Amino acid sequence: MKSEEFKKNDLYSAGLNSFKNKQFYEAHEFWEELWIDYNLSDSKFIQGLIQLSVAYFHITNSNKKGAISLFKKCYVKLKLFAPCHREINISNILRKIQMSQDLLLRIDDMKEFDWSLVPKLED
């Protein structure tokens, strides 16, 4: 049982580290494994993180429509856990999602995206 807890924590932490390093696809992979393989009480939270990371990954691929769609979906899920969950400031993430989405609606060239809008997944 203990090794299962370690595996869950490792997957979650690996996702956080990947996201922090703007390795959004990798973050999504770690969190997706966690979400699929384990019946978590906060699975909607993990699903929201998956969608958040893929939204930013879409921006790296100039997929504006995909990014906006996933920002909307992850906002709904993460809002359920505001203001704070797993020592992460969800309220701040929600603000950054909205700011990222608003910017995407204003720009034509995805190279103009302001990467400082990516939230820090911390308290």
Protein backbone atom coordinates (compact mmCIF):
# COMPACT_ATOMS: atom_id res chain seq x y z
CA MET A 1 0.00 0.00 0.00
CA LYS A 2 2.85 2.34 0.86
CA SER A 3 4.47 1.93 -2.56
CA GLU A 4 1.18 2.94 -4.22
CA GLU A 5 1.19 6.19 -2.22
CA PHE A 6 4.79 6.83 -3.25
CA LYS A 7 3.90 6.21 -6.91
CA LYS A 8 0.97 8.65 -6.71
CA ASN A 9 3.14 11.29 -5.05
CA ASP A 10 5.93 10.74 -7.59
CA LEU A 11 3.58 11.17 -10.54
CA TYR A 12 2.02 14.29 -9.04
CA SER A 13 5.43 15.82 -8.22
CA ALA A 14 6.86 14.93 -11.63
CA GLY A 15 3.91 16.73 -13.23
CA LEU A 16 4.50 19.79 -11.06
CA ASN A 17 8.21 19.86 -11.93
CA SER A 18 7.53 19.45 -15.64
CA PHE A 19 4.93 22.23 -15.58
CA LYS A 20 7.33 24.50 -13.68
CA ASN A 21 9.91 23.93 -16.43
CA LYS A 22 7.30 24.66 -19.10
CA GLN A 23 7.38 21.04 -20.26
CA PHE A 24 3.63 21.04 -20.64
CA TYR A 25 3.25 17.83 -22.63
CA GLU A 26 5.34 15.91 -20.11
CA ALA A 27 3.34 17.38 -17.21
CA HIS A 28 0.15 16.22 -18.91
CA GLU A 29 1.58 12.71 -19.32
CA PHE A 30 2.48 12.35 -15.62
CA TRP A 31 -0.87 13.70 -14.43
CA GLU A 32 -2.81 11.64 -16.94
CA GLU A 33 -1.19 8.46 -15.65
CA LEU A 34 -2.10 9.51 -12.10
CA TRP A 35 -5.68 10.34 -13.15
CA ILE A 36 -6.22 7.10 -15.09
CA ASP A 37 -4.45 4.61 -12.80
CA TYR A 38 -5.71 5.77 -9.41
CA ASN A 39 -9.16 6.49 -8.04
CA LEU A 40 -8.39 9.83 -6.42
CA SER A 41 -10.83 11.78 -4.28
CA ASP A 42 -9.72 14.92 -6.14
CA SER A 43 -9.63 13.44 -9.63
CA LYS A 44 -11.40 16.55 -11.03
CA PHE A 45 -8.47 18.62 -9.74
CA ILE A 46 -5.95 16.38 -11.51
CA GLN A 47 -8.09 16.48 -14.66
CA GLY A 48 -8.06 20.28 -14.43
CA LEU A 49 -4.25 20.27 -14.22
CA ILE A 50 -4.08 17.97 -17.25
CA GLN A 51 -6.28 20.35 -19.22
CA LEU A 52 -4.28 23.37 -18.02
CA SER A 53 -1.00 21.85 -19.18
CA VAL A 54 -2.44 20.85 -22.56
CA ALA A 55 -3.87 24.36 -23.02
CA TYR A 56 -0.36 25.80 -22.71
CA PHE A 57 1.03 23.01 -24.89
CA HIS A 58 -1.48 24.04 -27.58
CA ILE A 59 -0.08 27.58 -27.47
CA THR A 60 3.40 26.20 -28.23
CA ASN A 61 1.87 24.58 -31.33
CA SER A 62 -0.07 27.70 -32.38
CA ASN A 63 -3.39 25.97 -31.71
CA LYS A 64 -5.34 28.95 -30.40
CA LYS A 65 -8.76 27.30 -30.63
CA GLY A 66 -7.58 24.23 -28.71
CA ALA A 67 -5.94 26.35 -26.01
CA ILE A 68 -9.03 28.50 -25.47
CA SER A 69 -11.26 25.42 -25.32
CA LEU A 70 -9.08 23.75 -22.70
CA PHE A 71 -8.73 26.94 -20.65
CA LYS A 72 -12.54 27.04 -20.41
CA LYS A 73 -12.72 23.38 -19.37
CA CYS A 74 -9.93 23.50 -16.78
CA TYR A 75 -11.31 26.73 -15.29
CA VAL A 76 -14.58 24.98 -14.45
CA LYS A 77 -12.82 22.02 -12.81
CA LEU A 78 -10.18 23.97 -10.90
CA LYS A 79 -12.74 26.48 -9.61
CA LEU A 80 -14.23 23.63 -7.56
CA PHE A 81 -11.03 23.61 -5.48
CA ALA A 82 -10.59 27.35 -4.88
CA PRO A 83 -9.15 29.14 -3.04
CA CYS A 84 -6.40 26.58 -2.26
CA HIS A 85 -5.88 22.85 -2.80
CA ARG A 86 -2.82 20.64 -2.30
CA GLU A 87 -0.91 23.74 -1.21
CA ILE A 88 -1.59 25.41 -4.57
CA ASN A 89 -3.19 28.84 -4.84
CA ILE A 90 -6.13 27.96 -7.09
CA SER A 91 -7.50 31.51 -7.06
CA ASN A 92 -4.25 32.71 -8.65
CA ILE A 93 -4.39 29.96 -11.28
CA LEU A 94 -7.95 30.99 -12.16
CA ARG A 95 -6.80 34.60 -12.65
CA LYS A 96 -3.91 33.48 -14.85
CA ILE A 97 -6.22 31.26 -16.92
CA GLN A 98 -8.54 34.20 -17.53
CA MET A 99 -5.63 36.50 -18.40
CA SER A 100 -4.16 33.90 -20.77
CA GLN A 101 -7.50 33.39 -22.45
CA ASP A 102 -8.11 37.14 -22.78
CA LEU A 103 -4.68 37.63 -24.36
CA LEU A 104 -5.26 34.81 -26.85
CA LEU A 105 -8.46 36.51 -27.98
CA ARG A 106 -6.53 39.76 -28.62
CA ILE A 107 -3.48 38.47 -30.48
CA ASP A 108 -3.16 37.07 -33.98
CA ASP A 109 0.38 35.75 -33.79
CA MET A 110 0.83 33.11 -31.09
CA LYS A 111 4.47 34.21 -30.77
CA GLU A 112 3.08 37.29 -29.00
CA PHE A 113 1.84 35.17 -26.09
CA ASP A 114 3.17 36.40 -22.75
CA TRP A 115 4.65 33.32 -21.05
CA SER A 116 4.80 35.15 -17.73
CA LEU A 117 1.05 34.46 -17.55
CA VAL A 118 1.71 30.77 -16.91
CA PRO A 119 0.74 30.28 -13.26
CA LYS A 120 3.18 29.05 -10.68
CA LEU A 121 1.70 25.95 -9.12
CA GLU A 122 2.39 26.88 -5.53
CA ASP A 123 0.73 28.48 -2.54
